[in-house]
């Protein structure tokens, strides 16, 4: 079975955090704590709360449903 949390975190880490100036900048720009960004970057993923995912998506002006379409699940 696919680990959805790992897929979500990997997508955010590779597509969004990695192109940001820093973890701190990503956190500020997306209204989340920097420690949350570090958790997203964990190799095995992190059980990202829906509220955190919603904050990230809202900051990117993206619906959560559109985010899941990006994952190609």
N, C-alpha and C. Protein backbone atom coordinates (compact mmCIF):
# COMPACT_ATOMS: atom_id res chain seq x y z
N UNK A 1 0.85 -1.18 0.00
CA UNK A 1 0.00 0.00 0.00
C UNK A 1 0.89 1.24 0.00
N UNK A 2 0.44 2.26 -0.68
CA UNK A 2 1.18 3.51 -0.82
C UNK A 2 1.05 4.33 0.46
N UNK A 3 2.16 4.88 0.94
CA UNK A 3 2.13 5.74 2.11
C UNK A 3 1.82 7.16 1.65
N UNK A 4 0.56 7.55 1.80
CA UNK A 4 0.10 8.84 1.32
C UNK A 4 0.81 10.00 2.00
N UNK A 5 1.11 9.86 3.28
CA UNK A 5 1.81 10.93 4.00
C UNK A 5 3.19 11.17 3.40
N UNK A 6 3.87 10.08 3.06
CA UNK A 6 5.20 10.19 2.48
C UNK A 6 5.12 10.84 1.10
N UNK A 7 4.13 10.47 0.31
CA UNK A 7 3.96 11.07 -1.01
C UNK A 7 3.67 12.56 -0.93
N UNK A 8 2.82 12.95 0.00
CA UNK A 8 2.49 14.37 0.18
C UNK A 8 3.75 15.14 0.56
N UNK A 9 4.45 14.65 1.57
CA UNK A 9 5.66 15.34 2.04
C UNK A 9 6.74 15.39 0.97
N UNK A 10 6.93 14.28 0.27
CA UNK A 10 7.95 14.26 -0.78
C UNK A 10 7.63 15.26 -1.88
N UNK A 11 6.37 15.35 -2.26
CA UNK A 11 5.99 16.31 -3.30
C UNK A 11 6.28 17.73 -2.83
N UNK A 12 5.83 18.06 -1.64
CA UNK A 12 6.05 19.41 -1.11
C UNK A 12 7.54 19.70 -0.99
N UNK A 13 8.29 18.74 -0.49
CA UNK A 13 9.74 18.92 -0.31
C UNK A 13 10.45 19.13 -1.63
N UNK A 14 10.16 18.29 -2.60
CA UNK A 14 10.87 18.34 -3.88
C UNK A 14 10.42 19.48 -4.79
N UNK A 15 9.14 19.74 -4.80
CA UNK A 15 8.60 20.72 -5.75
C UNK A 15 8.55 22.14 -5.19
N UNK A 16 8.39 22.27 -3.89
CA UNK A 16 8.17 23.61 -3.33
C UNK A 16 9.26 24.05 -2.35
N UNK A 17 9.59 23.22 -1.38
CA UNK A 17 10.58 23.64 -0.38
C UNK A 17 11.97 23.76 -1.02
N UNK A 18 12.31 22.82 -1.87
CA UNK A 18 13.66 22.82 -2.46
C UNK A 18 13.93 24.04 -3.32
N UNK A 19 12.90 24.65 -3.88
CA UNK A 19 13.10 25.84 -4.72
C UNK A 19 12.96 27.14 -3.93
N UNK A 20 12.62 27.02 -2.67
CA UNK A 20 12.51 28.18 -1.80
C UNK A 20 13.91 28.62 -1.37
N UNK A 21 14.05 29.87 -0.96
CA UNK A 21 15.35 30.38 -0.50
C UNK A 21 15.87 29.58 0.68
N UNK A 22 14.96 29.25 1.60
CA UNK A 22 15.34 28.50 2.79
C UNK A 22 14.09 27.90 3.42
N UNK A 23 14.30 27.00 4.37
CA UNK A 23 13.16 26.43 5.11
C UNK A 23 12.40 27.54 5.83
N UNK A 24 13.14 28.49 6.38
CA UNK A 24 12.51 29.59 7.11
C UNK A 24 11.64 30.43 6.19
N UNK A 25 12.13 30.73 5.00
CA UNK A 25 11.35 31.51 4.03
C UNK A 25 10.08 30.76 3.64
N UNK A 26 10.22 29.46 3.39
CA UNK A 26 9.05 28.65 3.04
C UNK A 26 8.03 28.70 4.17
N UNK A 27 8.49 28.53 5.39
CA UNK A 27 7.59 28.55 6.55
C UNK A 27 6.85 29.88 6.66
N UNK A 28 7.57 30.96 6.55
CA UNK A 28 6.95 32.29 6.66
C UNK A 28 5.96 32.50 5.52
N UNK A 29 6.36 32.17 4.31
CA UNK A 29 5.50 32.37 3.13
C UNK A 29 4.24 31.51 3.16
N UNK A 30 4.28 30.41 3.90
CA UNK A 30 3.14 29.48 3.91
C UNK A 30 2.44 29.40 5.27
N UNK A 31 2.78 30.33 6.16
CA UNK A 31 2.10 30.46 7.45
C UNK A 31 2.17 29.18 8.29
N UNK A 32 3.36 28.55 8.29
CA UNK A 32 3.57 27.37 9.13
C UNK A 32 4.88 27.55 9.90
N UNK A 33 5.09 26.71 10.92
CA UNK A 33 6.32 26.78 11.70
C UNK A 33 7.49 26.19 10.91
N UNK A 34 8.67 26.70 11.17
CA UNK A 34 9.86 26.16 10.52
C UNK A 34 10.09 24.71 10.92
N UNK A 35 9.75 24.34 12.15
CA UNK A 35 9.91 22.95 12.57
C UNK A 35 9.00 22.02 11.76
N UNK A 36 7.87 22.53 11.32
CA UNK A 36 6.98 21.74 10.47
C UNK A 36 7.63 21.49 9.11
N UNK A 37 8.31 22.49 8.59
CA UNK A 37 9.02 22.33 7.32
C UNK A 37 10.09 21.24 7.47
N UNK A 38 10.81 21.27 8.57
CA UNK A 38 11.84 20.24 8.81
C UNK A 38 11.20 18.84 8.88
N UNK A 39 10.02 18.74 9.48
CA UNK A 39 9.34 17.44 9.55
C UNK A 39 8.91 16.98 8.15
N UNK A 40 8.45 17.91 7.33
CA UNK A 40 8.07 17.58 5.95
C UNK A 40 9.26 17.01 5.19
N UNK A 41 10.46 17.47 5.52
CA UNK A 41 11.66 17.04 4.84
C UNK A 41 12.19 15.69 5.32
N UNK A 42 11.59 15.10 6.36
CA UNK A 42 12.01 13.78 6.83
C UNK A 42 11.96 12.79 5.68
N UNK A 43 12.96 11.95 5.59
CA UNK A 43 13.05 10.97 4.51
C UNK A 43 11.85 10.02 4.48
N UNK A 44 11.38 9.62 5.64
CA UNK A 44 10.25 8.69 5.72
C UNK A 44 8.90 9.40 5.74
N UNK A 45 8.89 10.71 5.56
CA UNK A 45 7.65 11.45 5.58
C UNK A 45 7.22 11.81 6.99
N UNK A 46 6.04 12.37 7.07
CA UNK A 46 5.51 12.89 8.32
C UNK A 46 4.00 12.89 8.17
N UNK A 47 3.29 12.59 9.23
CA UNK A 47 1.83 12.60 9.18
C UNK A 47 1.35 14.04 9.21
N UNK A 48 1.32 14.64 8.05
CA UNK A 48 1.00 16.06 7.94
C UNK A 48 -0.48 16.28 8.22
N UNK A 49 -0.79 17.15 9.17
CA UNK A 49 -2.20 17.44 9.46
C UNK A 49 -2.87 18.12 8.28
N UNK A 50 -4.15 17.85 8.13
CA UNK A 50 -4.91 18.47 7.04
C UNK A 50 -4.87 19.99 7.16
N UNK A 51 -4.88 20.51 8.38
CA UNK A 51 -4.82 21.95 8.59
C UNK A 51 -3.53 22.55 8.03
N UNK A 52 -2.43 21.83 8.20
CA UNK A 52 -1.14 22.29 7.67
C UNK A 52 -1.15 22.26 6.16
N UNK A 53 -1.65 21.18 5.60
CA UNK A 53 -1.75 21.08 4.15
C UNK A 53 -2.65 22.18 3.59
N UNK A 54 -3.73 22.47 4.29
CA UNK A 54 -4.64 23.54 3.86
C UNK A 54 -3.93 24.90 3.87
N UNK A 55 -3.15 25.18 4.91
CA UNK A 55 -2.41 26.45 4.98
C UNK A 55 -1.44 26.57 3.81
N UNK A 56 -0.74 25.49 3.52
CA UNK A 56 0.23 25.51 2.41
C UNK A 56 -0.50 25.74 1.09
N UNK A 57 -1.58 25.01 0.89
CA UNK A 57 -2.34 25.16 -0.36
C UNK A 57 -2.94 26.55 -0.49
N UNK A 58 -3.50 27.07 0.58
CA UNK A 58 -4.07 28.43 0.53
C UNK A 58 -3.01 29.46 0.20
N UNK A 59 -1.83 29.30 0.74
CA UNK A 59 -0.75 30.24 0.46
C UNK A 59 -0.32 30.19 -1.00
N UNK A 60 -0.53 29.06 -1.63
CA UNK A 60 -0.18 28.89 -3.04
C UNK A 60 -1.39 29.10 -3.94
N UNK A 61 -2.51 29.53 -3.32
CA UNK A 61 -3.77 29.74 -4.04
C UNK A 61 -4.17 28.50 -4.83
N UNK A 62 -4.17 27.38 -4.10
CA UNK A 62 -4.44 26.08 -4.68
C UNK A 62 -5.46 25.36 -3.80
N UNK A 63 -6.46 24.77 -4.42
CA UNK A 63 -7.42 23.97 -3.67
C UNK A 63 -6.75 22.65 -3.28
N UNK A 64 -7.16 22.12 -2.14
CA UNK A 64 -6.60 20.84 -1.70
C UNK A 64 -6.88 19.76 -2.75
N UNK A 65 -8.06 19.78 -3.33
CA UNK A 65 -8.38 18.78 -4.36
C UNK A 65 -7.42 18.89 -5.55
N UNK A 66 -7.05 20.10 -5.92
CA UNK A 66 -6.10 20.30 -7.00
C UNK A 66 -4.70 19.81 -6.60
N UNK A 67 -4.37 19.98 -5.32
CA UNK A 67 -3.09 19.46 -4.84
C UNK A 67 -3.03 17.95 -5.04
N UNK A 68 -4.09 17.24 -4.67
CA UNK A 68 -4.08 15.79 -4.81
C UNK A 68 -4.03 15.38 -6.29
N UNK A 69 -4.57 16.19 -7.16
CA UNK A 69 -4.44 15.91 -8.60
C UNK A 69 -2.98 16.02 -9.03
N UNK A 70 -2.22 16.92 -8.42
CA UNK A 70 -0.80 17.05 -8.73
C UNK A 70 -0.01 15.79 -8.37
N UNK A 71 -0.50 15.08 -7.37
CA UNK A 71 0.19 13.86 -6.92
C UNK A 71 -0.05 12.69 -7.86
N UNK A 72 -1.01 12.82 -8.76
CA UNK A 72 -1.34 11.74 -9.71
C UNK A 72 -1.65 10.42 -9.01
N UNK A 73 -2.52 10.49 -8.02
CA UNK A 73 -2.88 9.26 -7.28
C UNK A 73 -3.95 8.50 -8.01
